[in-house]
Amino acid sequence: MNVKILKKTEDELHVEFEGESHTLLNLIRTVILEEDRVLLATYDAKFPMMTSPIFRLKTRDVDPVVLLNEVASRIAGMCEEFEVQFNAAVE
């Protein structure tokens, strides 16, 4: 995956995720929309091939880069917890 910042302001961020699909971007969007500081979180791609979707984030009272980093850490933690729970269930 290659990540490219297309636009960055104090309250807006546009990020291109080269080689990614709905799976990752929908997860990011779902988790980030739980935040009260988010005004807009969406992504789009050219149909029918989704090879380089662009994620758009608009925030209030927080740097969008900081918030996206927080959400990435939260998602990583969710994956680690799933791994622990799954391994315990399999044993």
PDB file of N, CA and C in Angstrom:
ATOM      1  N   MET A   1       0.841  -1.169   0.000  1.00  0.00           N
ATOM      2  CA  MET A   1       0.000   0.000   0.000  1.00  0.00           C
ATOM      3  C   MET A   1       0.889   1.236   0.000  1.00  0.00           C
ATOM      4  N   ASN A   2       0.586   2.159  -0.871  1.00  0.00           N
ATOM      5  CA  ASN A   2       1.233   3.465  -0.876  1.00  0.00           C
ATOM      6  C   ASN A   2       0.203   4.492  -0.439  1.00  0.00           C
ATOM      7  N   VAL A   3       0.600   5.379   0.454  1.00  0.00           N
ATOM      8  CA  VAL A   3      -0.286   6.418   0.957  1.00  0.00           C
ATOM      9  C   VAL A   3       0.285   7.762   0.532  1.00  0.00           C
ATOM     10  N   LYS A   4      -0.571   8.596  -0.057  1.00  0.00           N
ATOM     11  CA  LYS A   4      -0.116   9.899  -0.521  1.00  0.00           C
ATOM     12  C   LYS A   4      -1.076  10.972  -0.007  1.00  0.00           C
ATOM     13  N   ILE A   5      -0.530  12.003   0.635  1.00  0.00           N
ATOM     14  CA  ILE A   5      -1.337  13.133   1.092  1.00  0.00           C
ATOM     15  C   ILE A   5      -1.572  14.044  -0.112  1.00  0.00           C
ATOM     16  N   LEU A   6      -2.836  14.224  -0.468  1.00  0.00           N
ATOM     17  CA  LEU A   6      -3.187  15.076  -1.600  1.00  0.00           C
ATOM     18  C   LEU A   6      -3.519  16.496  -1.159  1.00  0.00           C
ATOM     19  N   LYS A   7      -4.093  16.620   0.034  1.00  0.00           N
ATOM     20  CA  LYS A   7      -4.465  17.933   0.566  1.00  0.00           C
ATOM     21  C   LYS A   7      -4.384  17.875   2.084  1.00  0.00           C
ATOM     22  N   LYS A   8      -3.813  18.929   2.674  1.00  0.00           N
ATOM     23  CA  LYS A   8      -3.699  18.991   4.133  1.00  0.00           C
ATOM     24  C   LYS A   8      -3.874  20.437   4.564  1.00  0.00           C
ATOM     25  N   THR A   9      -4.926  20.687   5.360  1.00  0.00           N
ATOM     26  CA  THR A   9      -5.117  21.986   5.995  1.00  0.00           C
ATOM     27  C   THR A   9      -5.299  21.731   7.487  1.00  0.00           C
ATOM     28  N   GLU A  10      -5.585  22.783   8.239  1.00  0.00           N
ATOM     29  CA  GLU A  10      -5.732  22.598   9.688  1.00  0.00           C
ATOM     30  C   GLU A  10      -6.963  21.780  10.056  1.00  0.00           C
ATOM     31  N   ASP A  11      -7.929  21.673   9.136  1.00  0.00           N
ATOM     32  CA  ASP A  11      -9.138  20.910   9.460  1.00  0.00           C
ATOM     33  C   ASP A  11      -9.582  19.948   8.356  1.00  0.00           C
ATOM     34  N   GLU A  12      -8.754  19.760   7.353  1.00  0.00           N
ATOM     35  CA  GLU A  12      -9.139  18.887   6.243  1.00  0.00           C
ATOM     36  C   GLU A  12      -7.937  18.093   5.736  1.00  0.00           C
ATOM     37  N   LEU A  13      -8.230  16.858   5.337  1.00  0.00           N
ATOM     38  CA  LEU A  13      -7.186  15.963   4.848  1.00  0.00           C
ATOM     39  C   LEU A  13      -7.755  15.102   3.733  1.00  0.00           C
ATOM     40  N   HIS A  14      -7.034  15.004   2.620  1.00  0.00           N
ATOM     41  CA  HIS A  14      -7.370  14.103   1.524  1.00  0.00           C
ATOM     42  C   HIS A  14      -6.174  13.173   1.339  1.00  0.00           C
ATOM     43  N   VAL A  15      -6.436  11.872   1.433  1.00  0.00           N
ATOM     44  CA  VAL A  15      -5.367  10.878   1.367  1.00  0.00           C
ATOM     45  C   VAL A  15      -5.704   9.850   0.301  1.00  0.00           C
ATOM     46  N   GLU A  16      -4.745   9.580  -0.569  1.00  0.00           N
ATOM     47  CA  GLU A  16      -4.904   8.535  -1.578  1.00  0.00           C
ATOM     48  C   GLU A  16      -4.280   7.244  -1.046  1.00  0.00           C
ATOM     49  N   PHE A  17      -5.042   6.154  -1.136  1.00  0.00           N
ATOM     50  CA  PHE A  17      -4.587   4.839  -0.690  1.00  0.00           C
ATOM     51  C   PHE A  17      -4.407   3.963  -1.925  1.00  0.00           C
ATOM     52  N   GLU A  18      -3.226   3.987  -2.491  1.00  0.00           N
ATOM     53  CA  GLU A  18      -2.967   3.226  -3.710  1.00  0.00           C
ATOM     54  C   GLU A  18      -2.966   1.729  -3.410  1.00  0.00           C
ATOM     55  N   GLY A  19      -3.741   0.990  -4.196  1.00  0.00           N
ATOM     56  CA  GLY A  19      -3.770  -0.460  -4.067  1.00  0.00           C
ATOM     57  C   GLY A  19      -4.721  -0.980  -3.009  1.00  0.00           C
ATOM     58  N   GLU A  20      -5.517  -0.112  -2.399  1.00  0.00           N
ATOM     59  CA  GLU A  20      -6.460  -0.551  -1.365  1.00  0.00           C
ATOM     60  C   GLU A  20      -7.878  -0.613  -1.923  1.00  0.00           C
ATOM     61  N   SER A  21      -8.769  -1.189  -1.126  1.00  0.00           N
ATOM     62  CA  SER A  21     -10.150  -1.369  -1.566  1.00  0.00           C
ATOM     63  C   SER A  21     -11.108  -0.892  -0.481  1.00  0.00           C
ATOM     64  N   HIS A  22     -12.380  -1.213  -0.677  1.00  0.00           N
ATOM     65  CA  HIS A  22     -13.415  -0.831   0.288  1.00  0.00           C
ATOM     66  C   HIS A  22     -13.123  -1.374   1.683  1.00  0.00           C
ATOM     67  N   THR A  23     -12.501  -2.523   1.772  1.00  0.00           N
ATOM     68  CA  THR A  23     -12.325  -3.181   3.066  1.00  0.00           C
ATOM     69  C   THR A  23     -11.635  -2.272   4.074  1.00  0.00           C
ATOM     70  N   LEU A  24     -10.467  -1.772   3.752  1.00  0.00           N
ATOM     71  CA  LEU A  24      -9.725  -0.921   4.683  1.00  0.00           C
ATOM     72  C   LEU A  24     -10.389   0.439   4.841  1.00  0.00           C
ATOM     73  N   LEU A  25     -10.774   1.052   3.740  1.00  0.00           N
ATOM     74  CA  LEU A  25     -11.325   2.402   3.833  1.00  0.00           C
ATOM     75  C   LEU A  25     -12.669   2.443   4.541  1.00  0.00           C
ATOM     76  N   ASN A  26     -13.483   1.428   4.363  1.00  0.00           N
ATOM     77  CA  ASN A  26     -14.759   1.380   5.069  1.00  0.00           C
ATOM     78  C   ASN A  26     -14.529   1.209   6.570  1.00  0.00           C
ATOM     79  N   LEU A  27     -13.544   0.412   6.947  1.00  0.00           N
ATOM     80  CA  LEU A  27     -13.206   0.252   8.361  1.00  0.00           C
ATOM     81  C   LEU A  27     -12.752   1.581   8.958  1.00  0.00           C
ATOM     82  N   ILE A  28     -11.853   2.268   8.277  1.00  0.00           N
ATOM     83  CA  ILE A  28     -11.377   3.567   8.761  1.00  0.00           C
ATOM     84  C   ILE A  28     -12.549   4.535   8.895  1.00  0.00           C
ATOM     85  N   ARG A  29     -13.377   4.601   7.874  1.00  0.00           N
ATOM     86  CA  ARG A  29     -14.522   5.519   7.889  1.00  0.00           C
ATOM     87  C   ARG A  29     -15.474   5.203   9.047  1.00  0.00           C
ATOM     88  N   THR A  30     -15.766   3.928   9.236  1.00  0.00           N
ATOM     89  CA  THR A  30     -16.687   3.522  10.299  1.00  0.00           C
ATOM     90  C   THR A  30     -16.160   3.910  11.672  1.00  0.00           C
ATOM     91  N   VAL A  31     -14.892   3.641  11.925  1.00  0.00           N
ATOM     92  CA  VAL A  31     -14.312   3.938  13.242  1.00  0.00           C
ATOM     93  C   VAL A  31     -14.160   5.443  13.447  1.00  0.00           C
ATOM     94  N   ILE A  32     -13.740   6.157  12.425  1.00  0.00           N
ATOM     95  CA  ILE A  32     -13.503   7.596  12.601  1.00  0.00           C
ATOM     96  C   ILE A  32     -14.810   8.362  12.775  1.00  0.00           C
ATOM     97  N   LEU A  33     -15.902   7.845  12.213  1.00  0.00           N
ATOM     98  CA  LEU A  33     -17.194   8.514  12.371  1.00  0.00           C
ATOM     99  C   LEU A  33     -17.748   8.395  13.793  1.00  0.00           C
ATOM    100  N   GLU A  34     -17.151   7.571  14.621  1.00  0.00           N
ATOM    101  CA  GLU A  34     -17.537   7.496  16.033  1.00  0.00           C
ATOM    102  C   GLU A  34     -17.065   8.726  16.808  1.00  0.00           C
ATOM    103  N   GLU A  35     -16.169   9.488  16.210  1.00  0.00           N
ATOM    104  CA  GLU A  35     -15.590  10.680  16.843  1.00  0.00           C
ATOM    105  C   GLU A  35     -16.510  11.893  16.681  1.00  0.00           C
ATOM    106  N   ASP A  36     -16.740  12.616  17.783  1.00  0.00           N
ATOM    107  CA  ASP A  36     -17.530  13.850  17.729  1.00  0.00           C
ATOM    108  C   ASP A  36     -16.813  14.956  16.957  1.00  0.00           C
ATOM    109  N   ARG A  37     -15.499  14.850  16.856  1.00  0.00           N
ATOM    110  CA  ARG A  37     -14.707  15.902  16.209  1.00  0.00           C
ATOM    111  C   ARG A  37     -14.685  15.781  14.690  1.00  0.00           C
ATOM    112  N   VAL A  38     -15.400  14.801  14.152  1.00  0.00           N
ATOM    113  CA  VAL A  38     -15.425  14.589  12.702  1.00  0.00           C
ATOM    114  C   VAL A  38     -16.659  15.249  12.100  1.00  0.00           C
ATOM    115  N   LEU A  39     -16.439  16.087  11.113  1.00  0.00           N
ATOM    116  CA  LEU A  39     -17.537  16.709  10.379  1.00  0.00           C
ATOM    117  C   LEU A  39     -17.862  15.924   9.118  1.00  0.00           C
ATOM    118  N   LEU A  40     -16.838  15.316   8.515  1.00  0.00           N
ATOM    119  CA  LEU A  40     -17.017  14.555   7.283  1.00  0.00           C
ATOM    120  C   LEU A  40     -15.933  13.494   7.197  1.00  0.00           C
ATOM    121  N   ALA A  41     -16.336  12.294   6.850  1.00  0.00           N
ATOM    122  CA  ALA A  41     -15.382  11.208   6.595  1.00  0.00           C
ATOM    123  C   ALA A  41     -15.990  10.349   5.501  1.00  0.00           C
ATOM    124  N   THR A  42     -15.344  10.350   4.360  1.00  0.00           N
ATOM    125  CA  THR A  42     -15.858   9.598   3.224  1.00  0.00           C
ATOM    126  C   THR A  42     -14.703   9.205   2.321  1.00  0.00           C
ATOM    127  N   TYR A  43     -14.982   8.323   1.395  1.00  0.00           N
ATOM    128  CA  TYR A  43     -13.975   7.970   0.401  1.00  0.00           C
ATOM    129  C   TYR A  43     -14.677   7.696  -0.911  1.00  0.00           C
ATOM    130  N   ASP A  44     -13.925   7.829  -1.984  1.00  0.00           N
ATOM    131  CA  ASP A  44     -14.474   7.517  -3.296  1.00  0.00           C
ATOM    132  C   ASP A  44     -13.369   6.997  -4.197  1.00  0.00           C
ATOM    133  N   ALA A  45     -13.807   6.370  -5.266  1.00  0.00           N
ATOM    134  CA  ALA A  45     -12.873   5.813  -6.243  1.00  0.00           C
ATOM    135  C   ALA A  45     -13.565   5.768  -7.587  1.00  0.00           C
ATOM    136  N   LYS A  46     -12.783   5.647  -8.596  1.00  0.00           N
ATOM    137  CA  LYS A  46     -13.330   5.528  -9.943  1.00  0.00           C
ATOM    138  C   LYS A  46     -13.967   4.158 -10.109  1.00  0.00           C
ATOM    139  N   PHE A  47     -15.170   4.130 -10.619  1.00  0.00           N
ATOM    140  CA  PHE A  47     -15.878   2.872 -10.857  1.00  0.00           C
ATOM    141  C   PHE A  47     -15.501   2.378 -12.243  1.00  0.00           C
ATOM    142  N   PRO A  48     -15.366   1.108 -12.511  1.00  0.00           N
ATOM    143  CA  PRO A  48     -15.597  -0.024 -11.627  1.00  0.00           C
ATOM    144  C   PRO A  48     -14.335  -0.465 -10.887  1.00  0.00           C
ATOM    145  N   MET A  49     -13.187   0.026 -11.284  1.00  0.00           N
ATOM    146  CA  MET A  49     -11.930  -0.393 -10.648  1.00  0.00           C
ATOM    147  C   MET A  49     -11.595   0.550  -9.501  1.00  0.00           C
ATOM    148  N   MET A  50     -11.393  -0.025  -8.347  1.00  0.00           N
ATOM    149  CA  MET A  50     -11.044   0.777  -7.178  1.00  0.00           C
ATOM    150  C   MET A  50      -9.590   0.507  -6.848  1.00  0.00           C
ATOM    151  N   THR A  51      -8.702   1.213  -7.518  1.00  0.00           N
ATOM    152  CA  THR A  51      -7.285   0.942  -7.319  1.00  0.00           C
ATOM    153  C   THR A  51      -6.594   2.000  -6.469  1.00  0.00           C
ATOM    154  N   SER A  52      -7.111   3.201  -6.451  1.00  0.00           N
ATOM    155  CA  SER A  52      -6.500   4.274  -5.664  1.00  0.00           C
ATOM    156  C   SER A  52      -7.586   5.162  -5.058  1.00  0.00           C
ATOM    157  N   PRO A  53      -8.330   4.631  -4.095  1.00  0.00           N
ATOM    158  CA  PRO A  53      -9.397   5.434  -3.498  1.00  0.00           C
ATOM    159  C   PRO A  53      -8.832   6.624  -2.728  1.00  0.00           C
ATOM    160  N   ILE A  54      -9.635   7.663  -2.644  1.00  0.00           N
ATOM    161  CA  ILE A  54      -9.245   8.877  -1.928  1.00  0.00           C
ATOM    162  C   ILE A  54     -10.152   9.035  -0.714  1.00  0.00           C
ATOM    163  N   PHE A  55      -9.531   9.107   0.458  1.00  0.00           N
ATOM    164  CA  PHE A  55     -10.249   9.290   1.718  1.00  0.00           C
ATOM    165  C   PHE A  55     -10.253  10.773   2.037  1.00  0.00           C
ATOM    166  N   ARG A  56     -11.429  11.306   2.365  1.00  0.00           N
ATOM    167  CA  ARG A  56     -11.571  12.720   2.701  1.00  0.00           C
ATOM    168  C   ARG A  56     -12.040  12.841   4.151  1.00  0.00           C
ATOM    169  N   LEU A  57     -11.354  13.694   4.888  1.00  0.00           N
ATOM    170  CA  LEU A  57     -11.656  13.879   6.305  1.00  0.00           C
ATOM    171  C   LEU A  57     -11.700  15.366   6.618  1.00  0.00           C
ATOM    172  N   LYS A  58     -12.779  15.786   7.273  1.00  0.00           N
ATOM    173  CA  LYS A  58     -12.901  17.170   7.739  1.00  0.00           C
ATOM    174  C   LYS A  58     -13.207  17.106   9.230  1.00  0.00           C
ATOM    175  N   THR A  59     -12.447  17.880  10.008  1.00  0.00           N
ATOM    176  CA  THR A  59     -12.542  17.794  11.467  1.00  0.00           C
ATOM    177  C   THR A  59     -12.860  19.144  12.101  1.00  0.00           C
ATOM    178  N   ARG A  60     -13.184  19.081  13.387  1.00  0.00           N
ATOM    179  CA  ARG A  60     -13.429  20.278  14.183  1.00  0.00           C
ATOM    180  C   ARG A  60     -12.567  20.169  15.441  1.00  0.00           C
ATOM    181  N   ASP A  61     -11.778  21.188  15.706  1.00  0.00           N
ATOM    182  CA  ASP A  61     -10.970  21.274  16.941  1.00  0.00           C
ATOM    183  C   ASP A  61      -9.897  20.202  17.066  1.00  0.00           C
ATOM    184  N   VAL A  62      -9.467  19.619  15.965  1.00  0.00           N
ATOM    185  CA  VAL A  62      -8.374  18.641  16.004  1.00  0.00           C
ATOM    186  C   VAL A  62      -7.722  18.581  14.622  1.00  0.00           C
ATOM    187  N   ASP A  63      -6.417  18.426  14.622  1.00  0.00           N
ATOM    188  CA  ASP A  63      -5.673  18.238  13.377  1.00  0.00           C
ATOM    189  C   ASP A  63      -6.105  16.903  12.770  1.00  0.00           C
ATOM    190  N   PRO A  64      -6.535  16.875  11.513  1.00  0.00           N
ATOM    191  CA  PRO A  64      -6.995  15.620  10.921  1.00  0.00           C
ATOM    192  C   PRO A  64      -5.918  14.539  10.861  1.00  0.00           C
ATOM    193  N   VAL A  65      -4.657  14.927  10.751  1.00  0.00           N
ATOM    194  CA  VAL A  65      -3.570  13.937  10.748  1.00  0.00           C
ATOM    195  C   VAL A  65      -3.479  13.268  12.114  1.00  0.00           C
ATOM    196  N   VAL A  66      -3.575  14.059  13.167  1.00  0.00           N
ATOM    197  CA  VAL A  66      -3.537  13.519  14.530  1.00  0.00           C
ATOM    198  C   VAL A  66      -4.705  12.564  14.736  1.00  0.00           C
ATOM    199  N   LEU A  67      -5.888  12.958  14.309  1.00  0.00           N
ATOM    200  CA  LEU A  67      -7.066  12.114  14.492  1.00  0.00           C
ATOM    201  C   LEU A  67      -6.954  10.819  13.696  1.00  0.00           C
ATOM    202  N   LEU A  68      -6.489  10.895  12.461  1.00  0.00           N
ATOM    203  CA  LEU A  68      -6.339   9.680  11.656  1.00  0.00           C
ATOM    204  C   LEU A  68      -5.307   8.744  12.280  1.00  0.00           C
ATOM    205  N   ASN A  69      -4.248   9.297  12.856  1.00  0.00           N
ATOM    206  CA  ASN A  69      -3.265   8.479  13.580  1.00  0.00           C
ATOM    207  C   ASN A  69      -3.892   7.803  14.795  1.00  0.00           C
ATOM    208  N   GLU A  70      -4.704   8.542  15.538  1.00  0.00           N
ATOM    209  CA  GLU A  70      -5.390   7.965  16.698  1.00  0.00           C
ATOM    210  C   GLU A  70      -6.287   6.805  16.271  1.00  0.00           C
ATOM    211  N   VAL A  71      -7.009   6.997  15.191  1.00  0.00           N
ATOM    212  CA  VAL A  71      -7.916   5.956  14.698  1.00  0.00           C
ATOM    213  C   VAL A  71      -7.130   4.751  14.198  1.00  0.00           C
ATOM    214  N   ALA A  72      -6.013   4.981  13.527  1.00  0.00           N
ATOM    215  CA  ALA A  72      -5.181   3.859  13.076  1.00  0.00           C
ATOM    216  C   ALA A  72      -4.701   3.040  14.272  1.00  0.00           C
ATOM    217  N   SER A  73      -4.310   3.709  15.346  1.00  0.00           N
ATOM    218  CA  SER A  73      -3.892   2.997  16.560  1.00  0.00           C
ATOM    219  C   SER A  73      -5.053   2.231  17.177  1.00  0.00           C
ATOM    220  N   ARG A  74      -6.230   2.842  17.174  1.00  0.00           N
ATOM    221  CA  ARG A  74      -7.411   2.170  17.718  1.00  0.00           C
ATOM    222  C   ARG A  74      -7.749   0.915  16.911  1.00  0.00           C
ATOM    223  N   ILE A  75      -7.673   1.006  15.595  1.00  0.00           N
ATOM    224  CA  ILE A  75      -7.946  -0.154  14.732  1.00  0.00           C
ATOM    225  C   ILE A  75      -6.912  -1.246  14.969  1.00  0.00           C
ATOM    226  N   ALA A  76      -5.646  -0.865  15.099  1.00  0.00           N
ATOM    227  CA  ALA A  76      -4.598  -1.856  15.384  1.00  0.00           C
ATOM    228  C   ALA A  76      -4.883  -2.560  16.703  1.00  0.00           C
ATOM    229  N   GLY A  77      -5.326  -1.808  17.700  1.00  0.00           N
ATOM    230  CA  GLY A  77      -5.680  -2.403  18.985  1.00  0.00           C
ATOM    231  C   GLY A  77      -6.857  -3.354  18.869  1.00  0.00           C
ATOM    232  N   MET A  78      -7.833  -2.996  18.057  1.00  0.00           N
ATOM    233  CA  MET A  78      -8.981  -3.877  17.828  1.00  0.00           C
ATOM    234  C   MET A  78      -8.528  -5.189  17.190  1.00  0.00           C
ATOM    235  N   CYS A  79      -7.603  -5.100  16.251  1.00  0.00           N
ATOM    236  CA  CYS A  79      -7.091  -6.307  15.583  1.00  0.00           C
ATOM    237  C   CYS A  79      -6.315  -7.180  16.562  1.00  0.00           C
ATOM    238  N   GLU A  80      -5.521  -6.556  17.419  1.00  0.00           N
ATOM    239  CA  GLU A  80      -4.777  -7.322  18.427  1.00  0.00           C
ATOM    240  C   GLU A  80      -5.734  -8.021  19.389  1.00  0.00           C
ATOM    241  N   GLU A  81      -6.773  -7.329  19.814  1.00  0.00           N
ATOM    242  CA  GLU A  81      -7.755  -7.923  20.723  1.00  0.00           C
ATOM    243  C   GLU A  81      -8.482  -9.083  20.044  1.00  0.00           C
ATOM    244  N   PHE A  82      -8.825  -8.908  18.773  1.00  0.00           N
ATOM    245  CA  PHE A  82      -9.461  -9.992  18.030  1.00  0.00           C
ATOM    246  C   PHE A  82      -8.552 -11.213  17.980  1.00  0.00           C
ATOM    247  N   GLU A  83      -7.261 -10.984  17.714  1.00  0.00           N
ATOM    248  CA  GLU A  83      -6.314 -12.096  17.641  1.00  0.00           C
ATOM    249  C   GLU A  83      -6.258 -12.856  18.967  1.00  0.00           C
ATOM    250  N   VAL A  84      -6.199 -12.130  20.065  1.00  0.00           N
ATOM    251  CA  VAL A  84      -6.162 -12.761  21.389  1.00  0.00           C
ATOM    252  C   VAL A  84      -7.435 -13.566  21.624  1.00  0.00           C
ATOM    253  N   GLN A  85      -8.578 -12.960  21.371  1.00  0.00           N
ATOM    254  CA  GLN A  85      -9.854 -13.631  21.605  1.00  0.00           C
ATOM    255  C   GLN A  85     -10.037 -14.836  20.685  1.00  0.00           C
ATOM    256  N   PHE A  86      -9.635 -14.700  19.447  1.00  0.00           N
ATOM    257  CA  PHE A  86      -9.770 -15.798  18.492  1.00  0.00           C
ATOM    258  C   PHE A  86      -8.873 -16.966  18.889  1.00  0.00           C
ATOM    259  N   ASN A  87      -7.626 -16.668  19.232  1.00  0.00           N
ATOM    260  CA  ASN A  87      -6.703 -17.732  19.642  1.00  0.00           C
ATOM    261  C   ASN A  87      -7.193 -18.440  20.896  1.00  0.00           C
ATOM    262  N   ALA A  88      -7.779 -17.698  21.820  1.00  0.00           N
ATOM    263  CA  ALA A  88      -8.330 -18.314  23.032  1.00  0.00           C
ATOM    264  C   ALA A  88      -9.511 -19.216  22.688  1.00  0.00           C
ATOM    265  N   ALA A  89     -10.311 -18.803  21.729  1.00  0.00           N
ATOM    266  CA  ALA A  89     -11.476 -19.602  21.336  1.00  0.00           C
ATOM    267  C   ALA A  89     -11.068 -20.875  20.608  1.00  0.00           C
ATOM    268  N   VAL A  90      -9.975 -20.822  19.875  1.00  0.00           N
ATOM    269  CA  VAL A  90      -9.514 -21.972  19.097  1.00  0.00           C
ATOM    270  C   VAL A  90      -8.879 -23.020  19.998  1.00  0.00           C
ATOM    271  N   GLU A  91      -8.253 -22.604  21.075  1.00  0.00           N
ATOM    272  CA  GLU A  91      -7.533 -23.542  21.957  1.00  0.00           C
ATOM    273  C   GLU A  91      -8.453 -24.488  22.667  1.00  0.00           C
TER     274      GLU A  91
END
